[in-house]
Amino acid sequence: MAGPGWLTGLLTALMLTVAAYNATRLAAAVRWGRAAELDADGVHVVMGVAMAGMLTPSLSFAPARLWQAIFAAAGAWFAWQFLRTRRGPADGPADGPANRTALGPWRCPHPLPHLIECAAMVLMLALPAAVASTGATAATGMSGMSAVTGTAARFAPLTLLLALFMVGYVMWLGNNLTALAPATAAAGTTATTAATAYLAPRCAACCKIAMGTTMGYMLIMML
């Protein structure tokens, strides 16, 4: 992954921090009986580790095909959850509280961004391998360079589209950050509502912002 060394190191440390935080958050949610987005947080644990390995190859410990299979399976899960939210319950809107209850307090109520993240990971893992394969089979010189450039160029529109989505997603998260509040801050919170309110929603949103920003940067660097 080309880019300034200091920035690459900073983003690598950030991704490992996000992965560690999400793992800790999942353990705390289970331990304290608080709701959390188990599917999204779990994927972000794996995604943070995989992205750190992509940014700093010395930290990579698994083949790209294994990561691709994991994120393809995760993408299928979020696609299924997205279809469920679009269908919606009979007594409320597709993205309303009733639908959150129908999906359960342990599932992400907004699966589409995570579906896009998984698709972006599959692309980012597949494109370098495709370029390397093309470059390895082509002779060195102008013909080889043209083959490698052509392979990357074919995916450029999709890469740019995914990068723009990440920019928009980060802006949306930032705009809604102040609206998120811990359950204990709400007046008259009961034990029942506390158990169904998400754990540390602002911290979770900040992790998503960090993940989306880093992924957007990685996609832009691939153009």
C-alpha atoms as a PDB file:
ATOM      1  CA  MET A   1       0.000   0.000   0.000  1.00  0.00           C
ATOM      2  CA  ALA A   2       1.789   3.138  -1.255  1.00  0.00           C
ATOM      3  CA  GLY A   3       1.761   6.287   0.822  1.00  0.00           C
ATOM      4  CA  PRO A   4       3.819   8.226   3.385  1.00  0.00           C
ATOM      5  CA  GLY A   5       5.473   5.885   5.849  1.00  0.00           C
ATOM      6  CA  TRP A   6       4.345   7.840   8.905  1.00  0.00           C
ATOM      7  CA  LEU A   7       0.729   7.857   7.730  1.00  0.00           C
ATOM      8  CA  THR A   8       0.792   4.153   6.932  1.00  0.00           C
ATOM      9  CA  GLY A   9       2.162   3.412  10.405  1.00  0.00           C
ATOM     10  CA  LEU A  10      -0.441   5.651  12.035  1.00  0.00           C
ATOM     11  CA  LEU A  11      -3.332   4.021  10.183  1.00  0.00           C
ATOM     12  CA  THR A  12      -1.970   0.566  10.956  1.00  0.00           C
ATOM     13  CA  ALA A  13      -1.899   1.371  14.678  1.00  0.00           C
ATOM     14  CA  LEU A  14      -5.392   2.874  14.392  1.00  0.00           C
ATOM     15  CA  MET A  15      -6.801  -0.267  12.773  1.00  0.00           C
ATOM     16  CA  LEU A  16      -5.268  -2.504  15.436  1.00  0.00           C
ATOM     17  CA  THR A  17      -6.714  -0.215  18.108  1.00  0.00           C
ATOM     18  CA  VAL A  18     -10.170  -0.392  16.510  1.00  0.00           C
ATOM     19  CA  ALA A  19      -9.943  -4.186  16.346  1.00  0.00           C
ATOM     20  CA  ALA A  20      -8.878  -4.421  19.993  1.00  0.00           C
ATOM     21  CA  TYR A  21     -11.585  -2.011  21.136  1.00  0.00           C
ATOM     22  CA  ASN A  22     -14.340  -3.873  19.295  1.00  0.00           C
ATOM     23  CA  ALA A  23     -13.178  -7.175  20.752  1.00  0.00           C
ATOM     24  CA  THR A  24     -13.211  -5.642  24.245  1.00  0.00           C
ATOM     25  CA  ARG A  25     -16.604  -4.067  23.617  1.00  0.00           C
ATOM     26  CA  LEU A  26     -18.092  -7.405  22.598  1.00  0.00           C
ATOM     27  CA  ALA A  27     -16.736  -9.081  25.722  1.00  0.00           C
ATOM     28  CA  ALA A  28     -18.045  -6.261  27.931  1.00  0.00           C
ATOM     29  CA  ALA A  29     -21.489  -6.363  26.308  1.00  0.00           C
ATOM     30  CA  VAL A  30     -21.804 -10.083  26.954  1.00  0.00           C
ATOM     31  CA  ARG A  31     -20.421  -9.771  30.475  1.00  0.00           C
ATOM     32  CA  TRP A  32     -22.731  -6.911  31.472  1.00  0.00           C
ATOM     33  CA  GLY A  33     -25.758  -8.063  29.515  1.00  0.00           C
ATOM     34  CA  ARG A  34     -25.811  -4.908  27.388  1.00  0.00           C
ATOM     35  CA  ALA A  35     -26.844  -4.895  23.749  1.00  0.00           C
ATOM     36  CA  ALA A  36     -24.229  -4.423  21.054  1.00  0.00           C
ATOM     37  CA  GLU A  37     -23.976  -4.897  17.315  1.00  0.00           C
ATOM     38  CA  LEU A  38     -22.391  -8.328  17.536  1.00  0.00           C
ATOM     39  CA  ASP A  39     -22.290  -8.830  13.778  1.00  0.00           C
ATOM     40  CA  ALA A  40     -20.834  -5.404  12.926  1.00  0.00           C
ATOM     41  CA  ASP A  41     -18.416  -5.344  15.847  1.00  0.00           C
ATOM     42  CA  GLY A  42     -17.257  -8.887  15.140  1.00  0.00           C
ATOM     43  CA  VAL A  43     -16.583  -8.076  11.485  1.00  0.00           C
ATOM     44  CA  HIS A  44     -14.703  -4.921  12.490  1.00  0.00           C
ATOM     45  CA  VAL A  45     -12.410  -6.974  14.702  1.00  0.00           C
ATOM     46  CA  VAL A  46     -11.436  -9.132  11.728  1.00  0.00           C
ATOM     47  CA  MET A  47     -11.475  -6.171   9.335  1.00  0.00           C
ATOM     48  CA  GLY A  48      -9.156  -4.115  11.519  1.00  0.00           C
ATOM     49  CA  VAL A  49      -6.611  -6.944  11.661  1.00  0.00           C
ATOM     50  CA  ALA A  50      -6.856  -7.570   7.901  1.00  0.00           C
ATOM     51  CA  MET A  51      -6.488  -3.878   7.029  1.00  0.00           C
ATOM     52  CA  ALA A  52      -3.477  -3.561   9.324  1.00  0.00           C
ATOM     53  CA  GLY A  53      -1.872  -6.426   7.407  1.00  0.00           C
ATOM     54  CA  MET A  54      -2.684  -4.765   4.089  1.00  0.00           C
ATOM     55  CA  LEU A  55      -1.151  -1.478   5.224  1.00  0.00           C
ATOM     56  CA  THR A  56       1.896  -3.153   6.772  1.00  0.00           C
ATOM     57  CA  PRO A  57       2.566  -6.498   5.034  1.00  0.00           C
ATOM     58  CA  SER A  58       4.865  -7.679   7.848  1.00  0.00           C
ATOM     59  CA  LEU A  59       1.760  -7.923  10.069  1.00  0.00           C
ATOM     60  CA  SER A  60      -0.156 -10.105   7.612  1.00  0.00           C
ATOM     61  CA  PHE A  61      -0.473 -13.688   8.818  1.00  0.00           C
ATOM     62  CA  ALA A  62      -3.220 -15.144   6.605  1.00  0.00           C
ATOM     63  CA  PRO A  63      -3.510 -15.582   2.830  1.00  0.00           C
ATOM     64  CA  ALA A  64      -5.655 -13.161   0.872  1.00  0.00           C
ATOM     65  CA  ARG A  65      -8.002 -15.927  -0.243  1.00  0.00           C
ATOM     66  CA  LEU A  66      -8.896 -16.714   3.372  1.00  0.00           C
ATOM     67  CA  TRP A  67      -9.680 -13.063   4.112  1.00  0.00           C
ATOM     68  CA  GLN A  68     -11.736 -12.859   0.912  1.00  0.00           C
ATOM     69  CA  ALA A  69     -13.799 -15.888   1.944  1.00  0.00           C
ATOM     70  CA  ILE A  70     -14.419 -14.391   5.391  1.00  0.00           C
ATOM     71  CA  PHE A  71     -15.560 -11.030   4.043  1.00  0.00           C
ATOM     72  CA  ALA A  72     -17.647 -12.637   1.301  1.00  0.00           C
ATOM     73  CA  ALA A  73     -19.483 -14.653   3.966  1.00  0.00           C
ATOM     74  CA  ALA A  74     -19.892 -11.541   6.128  1.00  0.00           C
ATOM     75  CA  GLY A  75     -21.204  -9.632   3.112  1.00  0.00           C
ATOM     76  CA  ALA A  76     -23.794 -12.335   2.488  1.00  0.00           C
ATOM     77  CA  TRP A  77     -24.906 -12.040   6.127  1.00  0.00           C
ATOM     78  CA  PHE A  78     -25.325  -8.261   5.932  1.00  0.00           C
ATOM     79  CA  ALA A  79     -27.114  -8.579   2.585  1.00  0.00           C
ATOM     80  CA  TRP A  80     -29.623 -10.902   4.255  1.00  0.00           C
ATOM     81  CA  GLN A  81     -30.033  -8.494   7.170  1.00  0.00           C
ATOM     82  CA  PHE A  82     -30.520  -5.598   4.750  1.00  0.00           C
ATOM     83  CA  LEU A  83     -33.294  -7.466   2.969  1.00  0.00           C
ATOM     84  CA  ARG A  84     -34.943  -8.087   6.342  1.00  0.00           C
ATOM     85  CA  THR A  85     -34.824  -4.399   7.259  1.00  0.00           C
ATOM     86  CA  ARG A  86     -36.229  -3.407   3.863  1.00  0.00           C
ATOM     87  CA  ARG A  87     -39.116  -5.824   4.335  1.00  0.00           C
ATOM     88  CA  GLY A  88     -39.826  -4.292   7.739  1.00  0.00           C
ATOM     89  CA  PRO A  89     -42.423  -5.273  10.323  1.00  0.00           C
ATOM     90  CA  ALA A  90     -46.092  -4.956   9.609  1.00  0.00           C
ATOM     91  CA  ASP A  91     -46.622  -2.350  12.351  1.00  0.00           C
ATOM     92  CA  GLY A  92     -43.804   0.096  11.667  1.00  0.00           C
ATOM     93  CA  PRO A  93     -41.320   1.544   9.187  1.00  0.00           C
ATOM     94  CA  ALA A  94     -38.408  -0.507   7.923  1.00  0.00           C
ATOM     95  CA  ASP A  95     -35.849   1.443   9.980  1.00  0.00           C
ATOM     96  CA  GLY A  96     -37.991   2.210  13.019  1.00  0.00           C
ATOM     97  CA  PRO A  97     -37.780   0.944  16.603  1.00  0.00           C
ATOM     98  CA  ALA A  98     -40.211  -1.877  15.884  1.00  0.00           C
ATOM     99  CA  ASN A  99     -37.871  -3.232  13.225  1.00  0.00           C
ATOM    100  CA  ARG A 100     -34.911  -3.006  15.621  1.00  0.00           C
ATOM    101  CA  THR A 101     -36.872  -5.125  18.068  1.00  0.00           C
ATOM    102  CA  ALA A 102     -37.757  -7.605  15.319  1.00  0.00           C
ATOM    103  CA  LEU A 103     -34.092  -7.998  14.374  1.00  0.00           C
ATOM    104  CA  GLY A 104     -33.060  -8.275  18.002  1.00  0.00           C
ATOM    105  CA  PRO A 105     -30.830  -6.039  20.142  1.00  0.00           C
ATOM    106  CA  TRP A 106     -27.672  -7.893  19.073  1.00  0.00           C
ATOM    107  CA  ARG A 107     -27.819  -7.124  15.347  1.00  0.00           C
ATOM    108  CA  CYS A 108     -26.821  -4.018  13.441  1.00  0.00           C
ATOM    109  CA  PRO A 109     -29.901  -1.925  12.537  1.00  0.00           C
ATOM    110  CA  HIS A 110     -28.097  -0.421   9.505  1.00  0.00           C
ATOM    111  CA  PRO A 111     -26.445  -3.340   7.673  1.00  0.00           C
ATOM    112  CA  LEU A 112     -25.978  -1.680   4.262  1.00  0.00           C
ATOM    113  CA  PRO A 113     -22.756   0.224   5.109  1.00  0.00           C
ATOM    114  CA  HIS A 114     -21.214  -2.962   6.491  1.00  0.00           C
ATOM    115  CA  LEU A 115     -22.233  -4.828   3.338  1.00  0.00           C
ATOM    116  CA  ILE A 116     -20.403  -2.174   1.299  1.00  0.00           C
ATOM    117  CA  GLU A 117     -17.378  -2.425   3.605  1.00  0.00           C
ATOM    118  CA  CYS A 118     -17.199  -6.171   3.058  1.00  0.00           C
ATOM    119  CA  ALA A 119     -17.456  -5.694  -0.707  1.00  0.00           C
ATOM    120  CA  ALA A 120     -14.657  -3.117  -0.570  1.00  0.00           C
ATOM    121  CA  MET A 121     -12.460  -5.506   1.395  1.00  0.00           C
ATOM    122  CA  VAL A 122     -12.983  -8.268  -1.163  1.00  0.00           C
ATOM    123  CA  LEU A 123     -12.032  -5.843  -3.939  1.00  0.00           C
ATOM    124  CA  MET A 124      -8.973  -4.484  -2.120  1.00  0.00           C
ATOM    125  CA  LEU A 125      -7.745  -8.009  -1.451  1.00  0.00           C
ATOM    126  CA  ALA A 126      -8.447  -9.235  -4.978  1.00  0.00           C
ATOM    127  CA  LEU A 127      -7.072  -6.326  -7.007  1.00  0.00           C
ATOM    128  CA  PRO A 128      -3.409  -6.492  -5.882  1.00  0.00           C
ATOM    129  CA  ALA A 129      -3.397 -10.248  -6.533  1.00  0.00           C
ATOM    130  CA  ALA A 130      -4.849  -9.724 -10.012  1.00  0.00           C
ATOM    131  CA  VAL A 131      -2.320  -7.015 -10.829  1.00  0.00           C
ATOM    132  CA  ALA A 132       0.562  -9.115  -9.493  1.00  0.00           C
ATOM    133  CA  SER A 133      -0.601 -12.115 -11.523  1.00  0.00           C
ATOM    134  CA  THR A 134      -0.791 -10.018 -14.681  1.00  0.00           C
ATOM    135  CA  GLY A 135       2.608  -8.499 -14.065  1.00  0.00           C
ATOM    136  CA  ALA A 136       4.187 -11.894 -13.377  1.00  0.00           C
ATOM    137  CA  THR A 137       3.001 -13.404 -16.640  1.00  0.00           C
ATOM    138  CA  ALA A 138       3.818 -10.390 -18.794  1.00  0.00           C
ATOM    139  CA  ALA A 139       7.294  -9.600 -20.046  1.00  0.00           C
ATOM    140  CA  THR A 140       9.052  -6.666 -18.450  1.00  0.00           C
ATOM    141  CA  GLY A 141       8.859  -3.477 -20.452  1.00  0.00           C
ATOM    142  CA  MET A 142       6.092  -1.466 -22.072  1.00  0.00           C
ATOM    143  CA  SER A 143       3.827  -4.460 -22.760  1.00  0.00           C
ATOM    144  CA  GLY A 144       4.070  -5.640 -19.146  1.00  0.00           C
ATOM    145  CA  MET A 145       3.367  -2.178 -17.750  1.00  0.00           C
ATOM    146  CA  SER A 146       0.358  -1.804 -20.054  1.00  0.00           C
ATOM    147  CA  ALA A 147      -1.089  -5.116 -18.858  1.00  0.00           C
ATOM    148  CA  VAL A 148      -0.743  -4.179 -15.188  1.00  0.00           C
ATOM    149  CA  THR A 149      -2.165  -0.682 -15.736  1.00  0.00           C
ATOM    150  CA  GLY A 150      -5.069  -2.095 -17.730  1.00  0.00           C
ATOM    151  CA  THR A 151      -5.942  -4.562 -14.977  1.00  0.00           C
ATOM    152  CA  ALA A 152      -6.099  -1.798 -12.349  1.00  0.00           C
ATOM    153  CA  ALA A 153      -7.940   0.595 -14.671  1.00  0.00           C
ATOM    154  CA  ARG A 154     -10.807  -1.843 -15.221  1.00  0.00           C
ATOM    155  CA  PHE A 155     -11.658  -1.646 -11.522  1.00  0.00           C
ATOM    156  CA  ALA A 156     -11.067   2.123 -11.171  1.00  0.00           C
ATOM    157  CA  PRO A 157     -14.754   3.200 -11.503  1.00  0.00           C
ATOM    158  CA  LEU A 158     -15.864   0.694  -8.864  1.00  0.00           C
ATOM    159  CA  THR A 159     -12.956   1.630  -6.608  1.00  0.00           C
ATOM    160  CA  LEU A 160     -13.817   5.322  -6.901  1.00  0.00           C
ATOM    161  CA  LEU A 161     -17.507   4.629  -6.219  1.00  0.00           C
ATOM    162  CA  LEU A 162     -16.648   2.692  -3.056  1.00  0.00           C
ATOM    163  CA  ALA A 163     -14.297   5.456  -1.917  1.00  0.00           C
ATOM    164  CA  LEU A 164     -17.007   8.080  -2.390  1.00  0.00           C
ATOM    165  CA  PHE A 165     -19.447   5.935  -0.440  1.00  0.00           C
ATOM    166  CA  MET A 166     -16.959   5.736   2.444  1.00  0.00           C
ATOM    167  CA  VAL A 167     -16.588   9.530   2.435  1.00  0.00           C
ATOM    168  CA  GLY A 168     -20.351   9.963   2.572  1.00  0.00           C
ATOM    169  CA  TYR A 169     -20.704   7.314   5.281  1.00  0.00           C
ATOM    170  CA  VAL A 170     -18.075   8.989   7.459  1.00  0.00           C
ATOM    171  CA  MET A 171     -19.809  12.367   7.029  1.00  0.00           C
ATOM    172  CA  TRP A 172     -23.171  10.814   7.958  1.00  0.00           C
ATOM    173  CA  LEU A 173     -21.688   9.214  11.074  1.00  0.00           C
ATOM    174  CA  GLY A 174     -20.044  12.457  12.111  1.00  0.00           C
ATOM    175  CA  ASN A 175     -23.265  14.403  11.620  1.00  0.00           C
ATOM    176  CA  ASN A 176     -25.179  11.981  13.848  1.00  0.00           C
ATOM    177  CA  LEU A 177     -22.465  11.578  16.469  1.00  0.00           C
ATOM    178  CA  THR A 178     -23.870  14.163  18.891  1.00  0.00           C
ATOM    179  CA  ALA A 179     -27.327  12.586  18.696  1.00  0.00           C
ATOM    180  CA  LEU A 180     -25.987   9.382  20.230  1.00  0.00           C
ATOM    181  CA  ALA A 181     -26.090   9.192  24.010  1.00  0.00           C
ATOM    182  CA  PRO A 182     -25.449   6.467  26.571  1.00  0.00           C
ATOM    183  CA  ALA A 183     -28.571   4.817  27.964  1.00  0.00           C
ATOM    184  CA  THR A 184     -27.722   5.956  31.491  1.00  0.00           C
ATOM    185  CA  ALA A 185     -27.956   9.579  30.404  1.00  0.00           C
ATOM    186  CA  ALA A 186     -31.643   9.271  29.604  1.00  0.00           C
ATOM    187  CA  ALA A 187     -33.995  10.241  32.373  1.00  0.00           C
ATOM    188  CA  GLY A 188     -36.078   7.462  33.837  1.00  0.00           C
ATOM    189  CA  THR A 189     -34.022   4.667  32.315  1.00  0.00           C
ATOM    190  CA  THR A 190     -35.134   1.333  33.691  1.00  0.00           C
ATOM    191  CA  ALA A 191     -33.191  -1.895  33.937  1.00  0.00           C
ATOM    192  CA  THR A 192     -35.122  -3.269  30.982  1.00  0.00           C
ATOM    193  CA  THR A 193     -34.406  -0.344  28.671  1.00  0.00           C
ATOM    194  CA  ALA A 194     -30.782  -0.237  29.778  1.00  0.00           C
ATOM    195  CA  ALA A 195     -30.390  -3.856  28.746  1.00  0.00           C
ATOM    196  CA  THR A 196     -31.759  -3.110  25.268  1.00  0.00           C
ATOM    197  CA  ALA A 197     -29.796   0.142  24.749  1.00  0.00           C
ATOM    198  CA  TYR A 198     -26.534  -0.111  22.884  1.00  0.00           C
ATOM    199  CA  LEU A 199     -23.280  -0.067  24.833  1.00  0.00           C
ATOM    200  CA  ALA A 200     -21.061   3.017  24.301  1.00  0.00           C
ATOM    201  CA  PRO A 201     -22.750   4.151  21.068  1.00  0.00           C
ATOM    202  CA  ARG A 202     -20.472   7.168  20.591  1.00  0.00           C
ATOM    203  CA  CYS A 203     -17.316   5.088  20.912  1.00  0.00           C
ATOM    204  CA  ALA A 204     -18.744   2.560  18.461  1.00  0.00           C
ATOM    205  CA  ALA A 205     -19.519   5.371  16.009  1.00  0.00           C
ATOM    206  CA  CYS A 206     -15.986   6.768  16.376  1.00  0.00           C
ATOM    207  CA  CYS A 207     -14.594   3.323  15.518  1.00  0.00           C
ATOM    208  CA  LYS A 208     -16.786   3.221  12.429  1.00  0.00           C
ATOM    209  CA  ILE A 209     -15.547   6.676  11.440  1.00  0.00           C
ATOM    210  CA  ALA A 210     -11.935   5.541  11.823  1.00  0.00           C
ATOM    211  CA  MET A 211     -12.640   2.373   9.832  1.00  0.00           C
ATOM    212  CA  GLY A 212     -14.458   4.227   7.052  1.00  0.00           C
ATOM    213  CA  THR A 213     -11.784   6.926   6.812  1.00  0.00           C
ATOM    214  CA  THR A 214      -8.955   4.392   6.585  1.00  0.00           C
ATOM    215  CA  MET A 215     -10.824   2.288   4.045  1.00  0.00           C
ATOM    216  CA  GLY A 216     -11.562   5.353   1.934  1.00  0.00           C
ATOM    217  CA  TYR A 217      -7.884   6.293   2.004  1.00  0.00           C
ATOM    218  CA  MET A 218      -6.837   2.780   0.970  1.00  0.00           C
ATOM    219  CA  LEU A 219      -9.320   2.767  -1.904  1.00  0.00           C
ATOM    220  CA  ILE A 220      -8.136   6.162  -3.160  1.00  0.00           C
ATOM    221  CA  MET A 221      -4.511   4.985  -3.037  1.00  0.00           C
ATOM    222  CA  MET A 222      -5.476   2.087  -5.307  1.00  0.00           C
ATOM    223  CA  LEU A 223      -6.759   4.392  -8.075  1.00  0.00           C
END
